[in-house]
Each structure stands twice: as C-alpha cells, then as structure tokens.
Amino acid sequence: MASSISTITFDCSDAARLAAFWAEVTGWGVGPEPSQQFAVVGGPARPADCPGLMFIQVPEGKVAKNRVHLDLAAEDPEAEVRRLGGIGATLVHEKEEWGVHWWTLQDPEGNELCVASPHQVGAGQ
C-alpha cells in the first residue's frame, strides 16, 4: 500500500503571516484561527487532489537553500512573477536549462519557489 501526501509543511517564524502569503499565491483560504505559531492553507478552494499547506513556528531561522520547494504553473509566468512580487515574493533569478524556462523566487521568509508555464513544469520528468 502506498502513502499519499496530505500536507506540505513549512517551518517559519510567523505562521499566520506566511499562510496569508501562500493563501494569496494559491487562491485558497487560511484555516480557522491562524496564529504566529500555527496556520493552515486549504479549504474548499483547494483541489481535492492537492495537499494542503501547513505553517509551524520554529525557533531557528532559515540558513541555507531549501532542499525541497514548490513549482508553480502559470499560463502567463511573467505576469505571475510580477503578481507574486506585488504580494511579497522576491525574484532570485530567471533561468533556462534542460529545455525549461523558469523564474526562482523567495517567499517573505526566504523559502524558494519556482514559476513556469504548465507546459514546462515537469518537462524534465
């Protein structure tokens, strides 16, 4: 029997603030009673086949590049990069490798995320 992914969890310093950012990114809602210590993003707008996002406050800060990150698919990736910048993301770089063109950004706490067209995400698989 195989496991399924139910939630992707982010360690952070302010769970409510980071959950609000990711709720804006995804268009999903923030769960009830978010706090600086704990928050979730999901709700009825989250597609049933997508894991929710959970944010948990930890005492240590981020010190290195993430080993795991989220890849976002957008029909107009350049417009999405601008939108994400407007809600608090920071552009790290734009790259083209392995026949894929994408943008790497950081969320307000420095976690990496990438944006590409849906035709390019997963193209290397």
C-alpha atoms as a PDB file:
ATOM      1  CA  MET A   1       0.000   0.000   0.000  1.00  0.00           C
ATOM      2  CA  ALA A   2       1.354   3.453  -0.939  1.00  0.00           C
ATOM      3  CA  SER A   3       1.159   6.629   1.115  1.00  0.00           C
ATOM      4  CA  SER A   4      -0.428   9.843  -0.115  1.00  0.00           C
ATOM      5  CA  ILE A   5       0.789  13.374   0.552  1.00  0.00           C
ATOM      6  CA  SER A   6      -1.723  15.140   2.783  1.00  0.00           C
ATOM      7  CA  THR A   7       0.145  18.326   3.719  1.00  0.00           C
ATOM      8  CA  ILE A   8       3.326  20.174   2.818  1.00  0.00           C
ATOM      9  CA  THR A   9       4.728  21.783   5.965  1.00  0.00           C
ATOM     10  CA  PHE A  10       6.813  24.958   6.181  1.00  0.00           C
ATOM     11  CA  ASP A  11       8.938  25.807   9.214  1.00  0.00           C
ATOM     12  CA  CYS A  12       8.733  29.569   9.738  1.00  0.00           C
ATOM     13  CA  SER A  13       8.943  32.419  12.228  1.00  0.00           C
ATOM     14  CA  ASP A  14       5.382  33.758  11.721  1.00  0.00           C
ATOM     15  CA  ALA A  15       2.879  31.120  10.635  1.00  0.00           C
ATOM     16  CA  ALA A  16      -0.092  33.453  10.147  1.00  0.00           C
ATOM     17  CA  ARG A  17       1.897  35.897   8.002  1.00  0.00           C
ATOM     18  CA  LEU A  18       3.370  33.179   5.788  1.00  0.00           C
ATOM     19  CA  ALA A  19       0.000  31.410   5.479  1.00  0.00           C
ATOM     20  CA  ALA A  20      -1.585  34.686   4.329  1.00  0.00           C
ATOM     21  CA  PHE A  21       1.080  34.982   1.589  1.00  0.00           C
ATOM     22  CA  TRP A  22       0.577  31.398   0.369  1.00  0.00           C
ATOM     23  CA  ALA A  23      -3.226  31.755   0.514  1.00  0.00           C
ATOM     24  CA  GLU A  24      -2.843  34.716  -1.851  1.00  0.00           C
ATOM     25  CA  VAL A  25      -0.469  32.709  -4.091  1.00  0.00           C
ATOM     26  CA  THR A  26      -2.846  29.741  -4.391  1.00  0.00           C
ATOM     27  CA  GLY A  27      -6.244  31.421  -4.078  1.00  0.00           C
ATOM     28  CA  TRP A  28      -7.067  29.031  -1.224  1.00  0.00           C
ATOM     29  CA  GLY A  29      -8.260  30.085   2.209  1.00  0.00           C
ATOM     30  CA  VAL A  30      -6.449  30.283   5.519  1.00  0.00           C
ATOM     31  CA  GLY A  31      -7.875  27.850   8.069  1.00  0.00           C
ATOM     32  CA  PRO A  32      -9.625  28.971  11.233  1.00  0.00           C
ATOM     33  CA  GLU A  33      -7.699  30.738  13.983  1.00  0.00           C
ATOM     34  CA  PRO A  34      -4.260  31.226  12.396  1.00  0.00           C
ATOM     35  CA  SER A  35      -1.613  32.327  14.860  1.00  0.00           C
ATOM     36  CA  GLN A  36       2.048  33.206  14.812  1.00  0.00           C
ATOM     37  CA  GLN A  37       2.705  29.602  15.914  1.00  0.00           C
ATOM     38  CA  PHE A  38       0.413  27.601  13.571  1.00  0.00           C
ATOM     39  CA  ALA A  39      -1.686  28.094  10.442  1.00  0.00           C
ATOM     40  CA  VAL A  40      -3.026  26.049   7.531  1.00  0.00           C
ATOM     41  CA  VAL A  41      -3.952  26.916   3.943  1.00  0.00           C
ATOM     42  CA  GLY A  42      -6.510  24.890   2.034  1.00  0.00           C
ATOM     43  CA  GLY A  43     -10.248  24.966   2.477  1.00  0.00           C
ATOM     44  CA  PRO A  44     -12.911  24.445  -0.177  1.00  0.00           C
ATOM     45  CA  ALA A  45     -10.943  26.246  -2.913  1.00  0.00           C
ATOM     46  CA  ARG A  46      -8.114  23.663  -2.659  1.00  0.00           C
ATOM     47  CA  PRO A  47      -8.441  20.958  -5.338  1.00  0.00           C
ATOM     48  CA  ALA A  48      -9.133  17.572  -3.749  1.00  0.00           C
ATOM     49  CA  ASP A  49      -6.013  16.044  -5.308  1.00  0.00           C
ATOM     50  CA  CYS A  50      -3.655  18.739  -3.928  1.00  0.00           C
ATOM     51  CA  PRO A  51      -2.062  18.580  -0.480  1.00  0.00           C
ATOM     52  CA  GLY A  52      -2.779  21.398   1.931  1.00  0.00           C
ATOM     53  CA  LEU A  53      -0.095  23.724   3.266  1.00  0.00           C
ATOM     54  CA  MET A  54       0.785  23.912   6.958  1.00  0.00           C
ATOM     55  CA  PHE A  55       2.957  26.524   8.686  1.00  0.00           C
ATOM     56  CA  ILE A  56       4.619  25.896  12.049  1.00  0.00           C
ATOM     57  CA  GLN A  57       6.728  28.366  14.003  1.00  0.00           C
ATOM     58  CA  VAL A  58      10.237  27.138  14.824  1.00  0.00           C
ATOM     59  CA  PRO A  59      12.931  28.954  16.834  1.00  0.00           C
ATOM     60  CA  GLU A  60      15.695  28.719  14.235  1.00  0.00           C
ATOM     61  CA  GLY A  61      15.816  30.823  11.070  1.00  0.00           C
ATOM     62  CA  LYS A  62      16.410  29.676   7.507  1.00  0.00           C
ATOM     63  CA  VAL A  63      20.148  29.491   6.833  1.00  0.00           C
ATOM     64  CA  ALA A  64      20.579  27.613   3.524  1.00  0.00           C
ATOM     65  CA  LYS A  65      18.900  26.856   0.214  1.00  0.00           C
ATOM     66  CA  ASN A  66      15.788  24.701   0.509  1.00  0.00           C
ATOM     67  CA  ARG A  67      16.264  21.061  -0.457  1.00  0.00           C
ATOM     68  CA  VAL A  68      12.550  20.906  -1.386  1.00  0.00           C
ATOM     69  CA  HIS A  69      10.462  23.690  -2.938  1.00  0.00           C
ATOM     70  CA  LEU A  70       7.154  24.196  -4.750  1.00  0.00           C
ATOM     71  CA  ASP A  71       6.977  24.619  -8.534  1.00  0.00           C
ATOM     72  CA  LEU A  72       4.039  26.751  -9.653  1.00  0.00           C
ATOM     73  CA  ALA A  73       2.465  26.519 -13.108  1.00  0.00           C
ATOM     74  CA  ALA A  74       1.029  29.707 -14.643  1.00  0.00           C
ATOM     75  CA  GLU A  75      -0.378  30.295 -18.128  1.00  0.00           C
ATOM     76  CA  ASP A  76       1.451  33.658 -18.173  1.00  0.00           C
ATOM     77  CA  PRO A  77       4.509  33.074 -15.970  1.00  0.00           C
ATOM     78  CA  GLU A  78       5.914  36.585 -16.419  1.00  0.00           C
ATOM     79  CA  ALA A  79       2.640  38.130 -15.207  1.00  0.00           C
ATOM     80  CA  GLU A  80       2.551  35.671 -12.300  1.00  0.00           C
ATOM     81  CA  VAL A  81       6.109  36.602 -11.275  1.00  0.00           C
ATOM     82  CA  ARG A  82       5.037  40.274 -11.229  1.00  0.00           C
ATOM     83  CA  ARG A  83       1.900  39.412  -9.194  1.00  0.00           C
ATOM     84  CA  LEU A  84       3.908  37.396  -6.671  1.00  0.00           C
ATOM     85  CA  GLY A  85       6.384  40.267  -6.339  1.00  0.00           C
ATOM     86  CA  GLY A  86       3.456  42.535  -5.553  1.00  0.00           C
ATOM     87  CA  ILE A  87       2.365  40.335  -2.638  1.00  0.00           C
ATOM     88  CA  GLY A  88       5.802  39.936  -1.074  1.00  0.00           C
ATOM     89  CA  ALA A  89       7.886  37.469  -3.105  1.00  0.00           C
ATOM     90  CA  THR A  90      11.433  38.356  -4.135  1.00  0.00           C
ATOM     91  CA  LEU A  91      12.855  37.425  -7.540  1.00  0.00           C
ATOM     92  CA  VAL A  92      16.082  35.421  -7.232  1.00  0.00           C
ATOM     93  CA  HIS A  93      16.766  34.698 -10.905  1.00  0.00           C
ATOM     94  CA  GLU A  94      15.346  33.713 -14.284  1.00  0.00           C
ATOM     95  CA  LYS A  95      16.843  30.567 -15.820  1.00  0.00           C
ATOM     96  CA  GLU A  96      16.688  28.336 -18.830  1.00  0.00           C
ATOM     97  CA  GLU A  97      18.164  24.856 -18.532  1.00  0.00           C
ATOM     98  CA  TRP A  98      17.272  21.413 -19.809  1.00  0.00           C
ATOM     99  CA  GLY A  99      14.808  22.972 -22.269  1.00  0.00           C
ATOM    100  CA  VAL A 100      12.808  24.574 -19.439  1.00  0.00           C
ATOM    101  CA  HIS A 101      12.425  28.320 -18.778  1.00  0.00           C
ATOM    102  CA  TRP A 102      11.511  29.333 -15.212  1.00  0.00           C
ATOM    103  CA  TRP A 103      11.806  32.009 -12.532  1.00  0.00           C
ATOM    104  CA  THR A 104      13.003  31.311  -8.997  1.00  0.00           C
ATOM    105  CA  LEU A 105      11.593  33.495  -6.224  1.00  0.00           C
ATOM    106  CA  GLN A 106      11.572  33.532  -2.426  1.00  0.00           C
ATOM    107  CA  ASP A 107       8.516  33.910  -0.206  1.00  0.00           C
ATOM    108  CA  PRO A 108       8.601  36.519   2.610  1.00  0.00           C
ATOM    109  CA  GLU A 109      10.651  34.162   4.831  1.00  0.00           C
ATOM    110  CA  GLY A 110      13.139  33.155   2.132  1.00  0.00           C
ATOM    111  CA  ASN A 111      11.668  29.802   1.050  1.00  0.00           C
ATOM    112  CA  GLU A 112      12.317  29.178  -2.643  1.00  0.00           C
ATOM    113  CA  LEU A 113       9.566  28.641  -5.214  1.00  0.00           C
ATOM    114  CA  CYS A 114       9.657  28.453  -8.992  1.00  0.00           C
ATOM    115  CA  VAL A 115       7.229  29.620 -11.681  1.00  0.00           C
ATOM    116  CA  ALA A 116       6.983  28.240 -15.223  1.00  0.00           C
ATOM    117  CA  SER A 117       4.279  27.653 -17.796  1.00  0.00           C
ATOM    118  CA  PRO A 118       2.185  24.500 -17.214  1.00  0.00           C
ATOM    119  CA  HIS A 119       3.692  23.097 -20.424  1.00  0.00           C
ATOM    120  CA  GLN A 120       7.181  23.359 -18.910  1.00  0.00           C
ATOM    121  CA  VAL A 121       6.593  22.231 -15.316  1.00  0.00           C
ATOM    122  CA  GLY A 122       7.597  18.610 -15.069  1.00  0.00           C
ATOM    123  CA  ALA A 123       9.073  18.667 -18.581  1.00  0.00           C
ATOM    124  CA  GLY A 124      12.286  17.148 -17.284  1.00  0.00           C
ATOM    125  CA  GLN A 125      10.485  14.045 -15.942  1.00  0.00           C
END
